N, C-alpha and C. Protein backbone atom coordinates (compact mmCIF):
# COMPACT_ATOMS: atom_id res chain seq x y z
N UNK A 1 -54.85 -19.55 -181.91
CA UNK A 1 -55.41 -19.89 -180.62
C UNK A 1 -54.62 -21.05 -180.03
N UNK A 2 -54.29 -20.95 -178.77
CA UNK A 2 -53.57 -22.01 -178.07
C UNK A 2 -54.46 -23.23 -177.87
N UNK A 3 -53.81 -24.38 -177.69
CA UNK A 3 -54.54 -25.64 -177.54
C UNK A 3 -54.23 -26.27 -176.19
N UNK A 4 -55.20 -27.03 -175.66
CA UNK A 4 -54.99 -27.89 -174.50
C UNK A 4 -54.92 -29.30 -175.07
N UNK A 5 -53.75 -29.94 -174.95
CA UNK A 5 -53.49 -31.23 -175.57
C UNK A 5 -53.38 -32.27 -174.46
N UNK A 6 -54.27 -33.26 -174.47
CA UNK A 6 -54.29 -34.29 -173.43
C UNK A 6 -53.52 -35.52 -173.89
N UNK A 7 -52.56 -35.94 -173.06
CA UNK A 7 -51.76 -37.13 -173.34
C UNK A 7 -52.01 -38.14 -172.23
N UNK A 8 -52.67 -39.24 -172.55
CA UNK A 8 -52.95 -40.27 -171.55
C UNK A 8 -51.74 -41.18 -171.31
N UNK A 9 -50.94 -41.42 -172.36
CA UNK A 9 -49.80 -42.34 -172.24
C UNK A 9 -48.58 -41.74 -172.93
N UNK A 10 -47.69 -41.15 -172.14
CA UNK A 10 -46.51 -40.48 -172.68
C UNK A 10 -45.59 -41.43 -173.44
N UNK A 11 -45.63 -42.71 -173.11
CA UNK A 11 -44.76 -43.68 -173.80
C UNK A 11 -45.13 -43.84 -175.27
N UNK A 12 -46.29 -43.38 -175.67
CA UNK A 12 -46.71 -43.45 -177.07
C UNK A 12 -46.10 -42.32 -177.92
N UNK A 13 -45.43 -41.37 -177.30
CA UNK A 13 -44.85 -40.22 -178.01
C UNK A 13 -43.40 -40.50 -178.41
N UNK A 14 -43.18 -41.58 -179.12
CA UNK A 14 -41.81 -41.98 -179.49
C UNK A 14 -41.11 -40.94 -180.35
N UNK A 15 -41.87 -40.21 -181.15
CA UNK A 15 -41.28 -39.20 -182.04
C UNK A 15 -41.36 -37.80 -181.45
N UNK A 16 -41.72 -37.71 -180.18
CA UNK A 16 -41.83 -36.40 -179.55
C UNK A 16 -43.14 -35.74 -179.89
N UNK A 17 -43.21 -34.45 -179.59
CA UNK A 17 -44.43 -33.70 -179.79
C UNK A 17 -44.07 -32.29 -180.25
N UNK A 18 -44.73 -31.83 -181.31
CA UNK A 18 -44.52 -30.46 -181.81
C UNK A 18 -45.64 -29.57 -181.29
N UNK A 19 -45.25 -28.44 -180.72
CA UNK A 19 -46.20 -27.53 -180.10
C UNK A 19 -46.05 -26.13 -180.68
N UNK A 20 -47.07 -25.31 -180.47
CA UNK A 20 -47.01 -23.89 -180.79
C UNK A 20 -46.88 -23.13 -179.47
N UNK A 21 -46.31 -21.95 -179.51
CA UNK A 21 -46.19 -21.13 -178.31
C UNK A 21 -47.59 -20.91 -177.73
N UNK A 22 -47.72 -21.12 -176.43
CA UNK A 22 -48.99 -20.96 -175.74
C UNK A 22 -49.74 -22.26 -175.50
N UNK A 23 -49.41 -23.32 -176.27
CA UNK A 23 -50.05 -24.61 -176.06
C UNK A 23 -49.78 -25.12 -174.64
N UNK A 24 -50.75 -25.82 -174.08
CA UNK A 24 -50.60 -26.46 -172.78
C UNK A 24 -50.82 -27.95 -172.98
N UNK A 25 -49.92 -28.77 -172.44
CA UNK A 25 -50.04 -30.21 -172.55
C UNK A 25 -50.43 -30.76 -171.18
N UNK A 26 -51.48 -31.57 -171.17
CA UNK A 26 -52.00 -32.23 -169.97
C UNK A 26 -51.53 -33.67 -170.03
N UNK A 27 -50.55 -34.02 -169.20
CA UNK A 27 -50.07 -35.40 -169.11
C UNK A 27 -50.78 -36.10 -167.96
N UNK A 28 -51.27 -37.29 -168.20
CA UNK A 28 -51.79 -38.13 -167.13
C UNK A 28 -50.57 -38.75 -166.46
N UNK A 29 -50.14 -38.16 -165.33
CA UNK A 29 -48.87 -38.54 -164.72
C UNK A 29 -48.84 -38.11 -163.26
N UNK A 30 -47.88 -38.66 -162.52
CA UNK A 30 -47.74 -38.31 -161.11
C UNK A 30 -46.62 -37.31 -160.86
N UNK A 31 -45.82 -37.02 -161.87
CA UNK A 31 -44.74 -36.07 -161.70
C UNK A 31 -44.01 -35.80 -162.99
N UNK A 32 -43.07 -34.86 -162.95
CA UNK A 32 -42.28 -34.51 -164.13
C UNK A 32 -41.01 -33.81 -163.69
N UNK A 33 -40.02 -33.88 -164.57
CA UNK A 33 -38.76 -33.17 -164.33
C UNK A 33 -38.30 -32.59 -165.65
N UNK A 34 -37.97 -31.33 -165.63
CA UNK A 34 -37.47 -30.63 -166.81
C UNK A 34 -35.99 -30.38 -166.59
N UNK A 35 -35.16 -30.83 -167.52
CA UNK A 35 -33.72 -30.64 -167.38
C UNK A 35 -33.38 -29.15 -167.42
N UNK A 36 -32.38 -28.76 -166.65
CA UNK A 36 -31.94 -27.37 -166.60
C UNK A 36 -31.54 -26.89 -168.00
N UNK A 37 -31.85 -25.65 -168.30
CA UNK A 37 -31.49 -25.09 -169.59
C UNK A 37 -32.54 -25.29 -170.66
N UNK A 38 -33.57 -26.06 -170.36
CA UNK A 38 -34.67 -26.27 -171.31
C UNK A 38 -35.72 -25.20 -171.05
N UNK A 39 -35.58 -24.04 -171.69
CA UNK A 39 -36.50 -22.94 -171.41
C UNK A 39 -37.59 -22.76 -172.45
N UNK A 40 -37.77 -23.72 -173.35
CA UNK A 40 -38.84 -23.64 -174.35
C UNK A 40 -40.20 -23.96 -173.73
N UNK A 41 -40.19 -24.74 -172.64
CA UNK A 41 -41.43 -25.09 -171.96
C UNK A 41 -41.25 -24.87 -170.46
N UNK A 42 -42.37 -24.81 -169.75
CA UNK A 42 -42.31 -24.73 -168.29
C UNK A 42 -43.37 -25.66 -167.71
N UNK A 43 -43.06 -26.24 -166.57
CA UNK A 43 -44.03 -27.06 -165.86
C UNK A 43 -44.94 -26.11 -165.09
N UNK A 44 -46.21 -26.09 -165.47
CA UNK A 44 -47.18 -25.21 -164.83
C UNK A 44 -47.55 -25.75 -163.45
N UNK A 45 -47.71 -27.08 -163.37
CA UNK A 45 -48.06 -27.66 -162.09
C UNK A 45 -48.13 -29.17 -162.13
N UNK A 46 -47.93 -29.77 -160.97
CA UNK A 46 -48.15 -31.20 -160.75
C UNK A 46 -49.33 -31.23 -159.80
N UNK A 47 -50.47 -31.69 -160.30
CA UNK A 47 -51.75 -31.47 -159.64
C UNK A 47 -52.52 -32.75 -159.39
N UNK A 48 -53.54 -32.63 -158.57
CA UNK A 48 -54.49 -33.71 -158.37
C UNK A 48 -55.83 -33.23 -158.93
N UNK A 49 -56.41 -34.02 -159.81
CA UNK A 49 -57.69 -33.70 -160.41
C UNK A 49 -58.77 -33.67 -159.35
N UNK A 50 -59.72 -32.74 -159.47
CA UNK A 50 -60.84 -32.62 -158.54
C UNK A 50 -62.07 -32.17 -159.31
N UNK A 51 -63.21 -32.34 -158.70
CA UNK A 51 -64.49 -31.90 -159.29
C UNK A 51 -65.28 -31.16 -158.22
N UNK A 52 -66.34 -30.49 -158.64
CA UNK A 52 -67.21 -29.84 -157.66
C UNK A 52 -68.44 -30.72 -157.42
N UNK A 53 -68.88 -30.72 -156.18
CA UNK A 53 -70.09 -31.45 -155.81
C UNK A 53 -71.31 -30.58 -155.99
N UNK A 54 -72.51 -31.13 -155.69
CA UNK A 54 -73.76 -30.39 -155.91
C UNK A 54 -73.88 -29.12 -155.09
N UNK A 55 -73.20 -29.05 -153.96
CA UNK A 55 -73.26 -27.85 -153.11
C UNK A 55 -72.09 -26.91 -153.39
N UNK A 56 -71.32 -27.20 -154.44
CA UNK A 56 -70.18 -26.34 -154.77
C UNK A 56 -68.90 -26.72 -154.06
N UNK A 57 -68.93 -27.79 -153.27
CA UNK A 57 -67.72 -28.22 -152.58
C UNK A 57 -66.76 -28.88 -153.56
N UNK A 58 -65.49 -28.84 -153.23
CA UNK A 58 -64.47 -29.44 -154.09
C UNK A 58 -64.20 -30.85 -153.59
N UNK A 59 -64.31 -31.82 -154.49
CA UNK A 59 -64.12 -33.23 -154.17
C UNK A 59 -62.88 -33.73 -154.89
N UNK A 60 -61.93 -34.25 -154.11
CA UNK A 60 -60.70 -34.80 -154.68
C UNK A 60 -60.41 -36.13 -154.00
N UNK A 61 -59.93 -37.11 -154.76
CA UNK A 61 -59.62 -38.40 -154.16
C UNK A 61 -58.35 -38.32 -153.31
N UNK A 62 -58.25 -39.22 -152.35
CA UNK A 62 -57.01 -39.33 -151.60
C UNK A 62 -56.00 -40.04 -152.49
N UNK A 63 -54.77 -39.63 -152.45
CA UNK A 63 -53.76 -40.27 -153.28
C UNK A 63 -52.80 -39.29 -153.88
N UNK A 64 -51.94 -39.78 -154.75
CA UNK A 64 -50.90 -38.94 -155.34
C UNK A 64 -51.47 -38.02 -156.44
N UNK A 65 -50.66 -37.08 -156.91
CA UNK A 65 -51.07 -36.26 -158.05
C UNK A 65 -51.34 -37.15 -159.26
N UNK A 66 -52.16 -36.66 -160.20
CA UNK A 66 -52.45 -37.45 -161.39
C UNK A 66 -52.45 -36.63 -162.67
N UNK A 67 -52.04 -35.37 -162.59
CA UNK A 67 -51.99 -34.51 -163.77
C UNK A 67 -50.72 -33.66 -163.72
N UNK A 68 -50.05 -33.56 -164.86
CA UNK A 68 -48.92 -32.64 -165.01
C UNK A 68 -49.26 -31.72 -166.17
N UNK A 69 -49.20 -30.42 -165.93
CA UNK A 69 -49.44 -29.43 -166.99
C UNK A 69 -48.13 -28.80 -167.39
N UNK A 70 -47.88 -28.77 -168.71
CA UNK A 70 -46.66 -28.19 -169.28
C UNK A 70 -47.08 -27.17 -170.33
N UNK A 71 -46.50 -25.98 -170.29
CA UNK A 71 -46.83 -24.94 -171.26
C UNK A 71 -45.65 -24.61 -172.15
N UNK A 72 -45.92 -24.47 -173.45
CA UNK A 72 -44.91 -24.04 -174.42
C UNK A 72 -44.79 -22.52 -174.32
N UNK A 73 -43.58 -22.03 -174.01
CA UNK A 73 -43.42 -20.59 -173.78
C UNK A 73 -42.56 -19.86 -174.81
N UNK A 74 -41.64 -20.57 -175.48
CA UNK A 74 -40.83 -19.91 -176.52
C UNK A 74 -40.31 -20.96 -177.49
N UNK A 75 -39.94 -20.51 -178.66
CA UNK A 75 -39.44 -21.44 -179.68
C UNK A 75 -38.18 -22.15 -179.20
N UNK A 76 -38.08 -23.42 -179.52
CA UNK A 76 -36.93 -24.21 -179.13
C UNK A 76 -37.37 -25.64 -178.85
N UNK A 77 -36.51 -26.37 -178.17
CA UNK A 77 -36.86 -27.75 -177.83
C UNK A 77 -36.46 -28.03 -176.39
N UNK A 78 -37.11 -29.03 -175.84
CA UNK A 78 -36.86 -29.41 -174.45
C UNK A 78 -37.06 -30.91 -174.29
N UNK A 79 -36.36 -31.45 -173.34
CA UNK A 79 -36.50 -32.85 -172.96
C UNK A 79 -37.14 -32.86 -171.57
N UNK A 80 -38.26 -33.57 -171.43
CA UNK A 80 -38.94 -33.63 -170.14
C UNK A 80 -39.12 -35.09 -169.75
N UNK A 81 -38.94 -35.37 -168.48
CA UNK A 81 -39.15 -36.71 -167.95
C UNK A 81 -40.53 -36.75 -167.32
N UNK A 82 -41.40 -37.62 -167.80
CA UNK A 82 -42.75 -37.78 -167.29
C UNK A 82 -42.78 -39.01 -166.39
N UNK A 83 -43.25 -38.83 -165.16
CA UNK A 83 -43.28 -39.91 -164.18
C UNK A 83 -44.71 -40.44 -164.06
N UNK A 84 -44.86 -41.75 -164.19
CA UNK A 84 -46.17 -42.39 -164.07
C UNK A 84 -46.07 -43.57 -163.12
N UNK A 85 -47.20 -44.20 -162.86
CA UNK A 85 -47.23 -45.36 -161.98
C UNK A 85 -47.38 -44.96 -160.52
N UNK A 86 -47.35 -45.94 -159.66
CA UNK A 86 -47.47 -45.72 -158.22
C UNK A 86 -46.18 -45.07 -157.71
N UNK A 87 -46.26 -43.82 -157.22
CA UNK A 87 -45.04 -43.12 -156.82
C UNK A 87 -44.32 -43.74 -155.62
N UNK A 88 -44.96 -44.68 -154.93
CA UNK A 88 -44.34 -45.28 -153.76
C UNK A 88 -43.69 -46.63 -154.05
N UNK A 89 -44.08 -47.27 -155.17
CA UNK A 89 -43.50 -48.60 -155.39
C UNK A 89 -43.26 -48.98 -156.84
N UNK A 90 -43.91 -48.37 -157.78
CA UNK A 90 -43.78 -48.80 -159.17
C UNK A 90 -43.65 -47.60 -160.11
N UNK A 91 -42.62 -46.81 -159.91
CA UNK A 91 -42.42 -45.60 -160.72
C UNK A 91 -41.88 -45.96 -162.10
N UNK A 92 -42.46 -45.33 -163.12
CA UNK A 92 -41.96 -45.45 -164.49
C UNK A 92 -41.69 -44.04 -165.00
N UNK A 93 -40.57 -43.89 -165.68
CA UNK A 93 -40.21 -42.58 -166.24
C UNK A 93 -40.08 -42.69 -167.75
N UNK A 94 -40.70 -41.74 -168.44
CA UNK A 94 -40.66 -41.70 -169.90
C UNK A 94 -40.09 -40.36 -170.32
N UNK A 95 -39.07 -40.39 -171.17
CA UNK A 95 -38.47 -39.17 -171.68
C UNK A 95 -39.23 -38.72 -172.93
N UNK A 96 -39.64 -37.47 -172.96
CA UNK A 96 -40.41 -36.93 -174.09
C UNK A 96 -39.70 -35.69 -174.62
N UNK A 97 -39.49 -35.64 -175.92
CA UNK A 97 -38.90 -34.47 -176.58
C UNK A 97 -40.03 -33.56 -177.03
N UNK A 98 -40.01 -32.31 -176.60
CA UNK A 98 -41.02 -31.32 -176.98
C UNK A 98 -40.34 -30.27 -177.84
N UNK A 99 -40.90 -30.01 -179.01
CA UNK A 99 -40.39 -28.99 -179.91
C UNK A 99 -41.44 -27.88 -180.02
N UNK A 100 -41.04 -26.66 -179.70
CA UNK A 100 -41.94 -25.52 -179.77
C UNK A 100 -41.56 -24.70 -180.99
N UNK A 101 -42.52 -24.54 -181.88
CA UNK A 101 -42.28 -23.78 -183.10
C UNK A 101 -42.76 -22.36 -182.91
N UNK A 102 -41.96 -21.42 -183.38
CA UNK A 102 -42.27 -20.01 -183.20
C UNK A 102 -43.08 -19.49 -184.26
């Protein structure tokens, strides 16, 4: 069974992360970049978290994205840059090595 893995602070992944095919990683981040040729994972989306209200309406805060979803799609490894912080003035980038085991 695939897993949804939540990462609040990508800088804590100094040794990288080992995944199984189908796993999805939820990074608390404002953006991401996957280097060309890294086909072991794919960026599913750079999203803004939202909730539903009592009448079924969708409520989302004003501001930048705050979630990056990455899916492990085939065996191999990839280097991904995770972007955190205020995207307009205080951007921080953390490089994370993802290894997908087949």
